[in-house]
Amino acid sequence: MKAIRTILLASVVALFTSCGLLSSTTGTSSATSSTGSSVGSALLALYTQYKSDGKVDLTNLNNILNIATIANSVKGISGSTDTSSFVSGLISGTNNLVNSNNSTSVMSNLLKLGNVDLSSITKAANAISAGTDTTQAVSKISDASSNVSTAVSALTSIFKTFKK
């Protein structure tokens, strides 16, 4: 059963990698709706897990991949002057969990993530896709625990916005 789970997770990582979700998006004058939708989907999955467990579980491989997706995508929009298409995709990707009332607050917290070095999470996600033992990959996150803590704090702030 553990082997099937590992193969399934490796397949998911390969899909993310092949679709370019683990690579940084390039800074452009306009963030794309598809990038926003990817971030929205990752944010929704993290929120669903957070709501269920009461915390962001960093031992959950899907959470690691979702945080890596968010971190890399927001780095690409942090210098953009027009994020309207990104926000539109974000709203769509979260199934309207992000909406016109909370999108400014959500974007503010997402942009904070763009300033945090989350390379340890990206390295863990890449290690998983390369077939590294998942326990070793997850342990890479502890390399930058203060940065990861900052990221989790920003995500928690976003999740509190959803509860209002």
Protein backbone atom coordinates (compact mmCIF):
# COMPACT_ATOMS: atom_id res chain seq x y z
CA MET A 1 0.00 0.00 0.00
CA LYS A 2 2.86 2.37 0.86
CA ALA A 3 4.46 1.63 -2.52
CA ILE A 4 1.22 2.47 -4.33
CA ARG A 5 0.96 5.76 -2.41
CA THR A 6 4.56 6.63 -3.26
CA ILE A 7 4.02 5.83 -6.94
CA LEU A 8 0.82 7.88 -6.96
CA LEU A 9 2.55 10.86 -5.33
CA ALA A 10 5.49 10.57 -7.72
CA SER A 11 3.03 10.61 -10.61
CA VAL A 12 1.36 13.74 -9.24
CA VAL A 13 4.75 15.42 -8.86
CA ALA A 14 5.70 14.42 -12.40
CA LEU A 15 2.44 15.95 -13.62
CA PHE A 16 3.11 19.18 -11.71
CA THR A 17 6.67 19.30 -13.00
CA SER A 18 5.72 18.62 -16.61
CA CYS A 19 3.07 21.33 -16.46
CA GLY A 20 5.64 23.75 -15.12
CA LEU A 21 3.89 24.28 -11.80
CA LEU A 22 7.08 23.84 -9.81
CA SER A 23 9.09 26.30 -11.83
CA SER A 24 8.92 30.00 -11.24
CA THR A 25 6.67 32.00 -13.48
CA THR A 26 8.39 34.83 -15.26
CA GLY A 27 7.55 38.36 -14.19
CA THR A 28 5.36 39.99 -16.82
CA SER A 29 3.31 43.14 -16.89
CA SER A 30 0.17 41.07 -16.50
CA ALA A 31 -0.23 37.95 -14.35
CA THR A 32 -2.15 35.20 -16.12
CA SER A 33 -5.50 33.79 -15.17
CA SER A 34 -4.19 30.23 -15.48
CA THR A 35 -1.43 30.92 -12.95
CA GLY A 36 -4.03 32.42 -10.61
CA SER A 37 -6.21 29.37 -11.08
CA SER A 38 -3.29 27.04 -10.22
CA VAL A 39 -2.57 29.06 -7.09
CA GLY A 40 -6.26 29.07 -6.24
CA SER A 41 -6.52 25.30 -6.55
CA ALA A 42 -3.44 24.84 -4.35
CA LEU A 43 -4.77 27.36 -1.83
CA LEU A 44 -8.16 25.64 -1.71
CA ALA A 45 -6.52 22.24 -1.10
CA LEU A 46 -4.38 23.70 1.70
CA TYR A 47 -7.38 25.43 3.26
CA THR A 48 -9.44 22.24 3.13
CA GLN A 49 -6.66 20.34 4.94
CA TYR A 50 -6.16 23.22 7.41
CA LYS A 51 -9.86 23.37 8.18
CA SER A 52 -9.93 19.61 8.77
CA ASP A 53 -6.77 19.36 10.93
CA GLY A 54 -6.58 22.84 12.45
CA LYS A 55 -3.03 23.35 11.16
CA VAL A 56 -0.99 23.22 7.98
CA ASP A 57 0.48 19.72 8.05
CA LEU A 58 4.01 19.92 6.64
CA THR A 59 4.38 16.14 6.69
CA ASN A 60 1.61 15.89 4.08
CA LEU A 61 3.29 15.62 0.67
CA ASN A 62 0.35 17.23 -1.12
CA ASN A 63 0.70 20.26 1.14
CA ILE A 64 4.39 20.53 0.29
CA LEU A 65 3.57 20.48 -3.41
CA ASN A 66 0.78 23.04 -2.97
CA ILE A 67 2.98 25.43 -1.00
CA ALA A 68 5.71 25.07 -3.65
CA THR A 69 3.17 25.84 -6.37
CA ILE A 70 1.96 28.94 -4.53
CA ALA A 71 5.45 30.16 -3.61
CA ASN A 72 6.84 29.84 -7.12
CA SER A 73 3.79 31.35 -8.78
CA VAL A 74 3.58 34.42 -6.57
CA LYS A 75 7.26 35.17 -7.16
CA GLY A 76 6.29 35.67 -10.79
CA ILE A 77 3.55 38.19 -10.02
CA SER A 78 5.17 40.15 -7.21
CA GLY A 79 6.55 42.79 -9.59
CA SER A 80 3.46 42.96 -11.78
CA THR A 81 1.44 46.15 -11.94
CA ASP A 82 -1.68 44.44 -13.27
CA THR A 83 -2.81 41.40 -11.30
CA SER A 84 -6.48 41.50 -12.33
CA SER A 85 -6.27 38.40 -14.53
CA PHE A 86 -4.38 36.56 -11.78
CA VAL A 87 -7.08 37.49 -9.23
CA SER A 88 -9.77 36.35 -11.66
CA GLY A 89 -8.04 32.97 -11.95
CA LEU A 90 -7.53 32.86 -8.18
CA ILE A 91 -11.26 33.34 -7.60
CA SER A 92 -12.03 30.61 -10.11
CA GLY A 93 -9.39 28.23 -8.72
CA THR A 94 -10.75 28.53 -5.18
CA ASN A 95 -14.37 28.03 -6.28
CA ASN A 96 -15.14 31.56 -5.04
CA LEU A 97 -13.55 31.06 -1.61
CA VAL A 98 -11.52 34.08 -2.69
CA ASN A 99 -14.00 36.73 -3.79
CA SER A 100 -14.19 40.46 -4.45
CA ASN A 101 -14.58 41.14 -0.71
CA ASN A 102 -11.43 39.33 0.43
CA SER A 103 -9.23 39.31 -2.69
CA THR A 104 -7.20 42.37 -1.64
CA SER A 105 -6.31 40.82 1.72
CA VAL A 106 -5.56 37.44 0.12
CA MET A 107 -3.32 39.06 -2.51
CA SER A 108 -1.48 41.03 0.16
CA ASN A 109 -0.67 37.85 2.05
CA LEU A 110 0.19 35.94 -1.12
CA LEU A 111 2.64 38.66 -2.12
CA LYS A 112 4.30 38.30 1.30
CA LEU A 113 5.00 34.71 0.30
CA GLY A 114 6.80 35.99 -2.78
CA ASN A 115 9.36 37.62 -0.50
CA VAL A 116 10.04 34.48 1.55
CA ASP A 117 12.73 32.03 0.56
CA LEU A 118 10.81 28.79 0.24
CA SER A 119 13.51 27.00 -1.72
CA SER A 120 13.53 24.23 0.91
CA ILE A 121 9.94 23.37 0.00
CA THR A 122 10.74 23.54 -3.71
CA LYS A 123 13.77 21.29 -3.13
CA ALA A 124 11.59 18.82 -1.25
CA ALA A 125 9.04 18.80 -4.08
CA ASN A 126 11.79 18.33 -6.65
CA ALA A 127 13.36 15.55 -4.56
CA ILE A 128 10.01 13.77 -4.46
CA SER A 129 9.70 14.06 -8.23
CA ALA A 130 13.23 12.64 -8.59
CA GLY A 131 12.19 9.59 -6.60
CA THR A 132 13.91 10.46 -3.33
CA ASP A 133 12.55 8.72 -0.26
CA THR A 134 9.62 10.84 0.89
CA THR A 135 10.88 10.96 4.49
CA GLN A 136 14.18 12.43 3.31
CA ALA A 137 12.37 14.89 1.06
CA VAL A 138 10.14 16.10 3.87
CA SER A 139 13.19 16.52 6.13
CA LYS A 140 14.59 19.08 3.66
CA ILE A 141 11.93 21.48 4.87
CA SER A 142 13.60 21.76 8.27
CA ASP A 143 16.59 23.39 6.53
CA ALA A 144 14.76 26.72 6.56
CA SER A 145 12.27 26.38 9.37
CA SER A 146 11.93 30.13 10.01
CA ASN A 147 11.11 30.79 6.35
CA VAL A 148 8.62 27.94 6.32
CA SER A 149 7.13 29.29 9.54
CA THR A 150 6.70 32.70 7.88
CA ALA A 151 4.96 31.02 4.93
CA VAL A 152 2.62 29.06 7.19
CA SER A 153 1.85 32.28 9.08
CA ALA A 154 0.94 34.05 5.82
CA LEU A 155 -1.24 31.11 4.77
CA THR A 156 -2.95 31.07 8.17
CA SER A 157 -3.71 34.79 7.78
CA ILE A 158 -5.32 34.02 4.44
CA PHE A 159 -7.35 31.19 5.96
CA LYS A 160 -8.62 33.48 8.73
CA THR A 161 -9.86 35.82 6.00
CA PHE A 162 -11.97 32.95 4.63
CA LYS A 163 -13.64 32.38 8.00
CA LYS A 164 -15.10 35.90 8.08
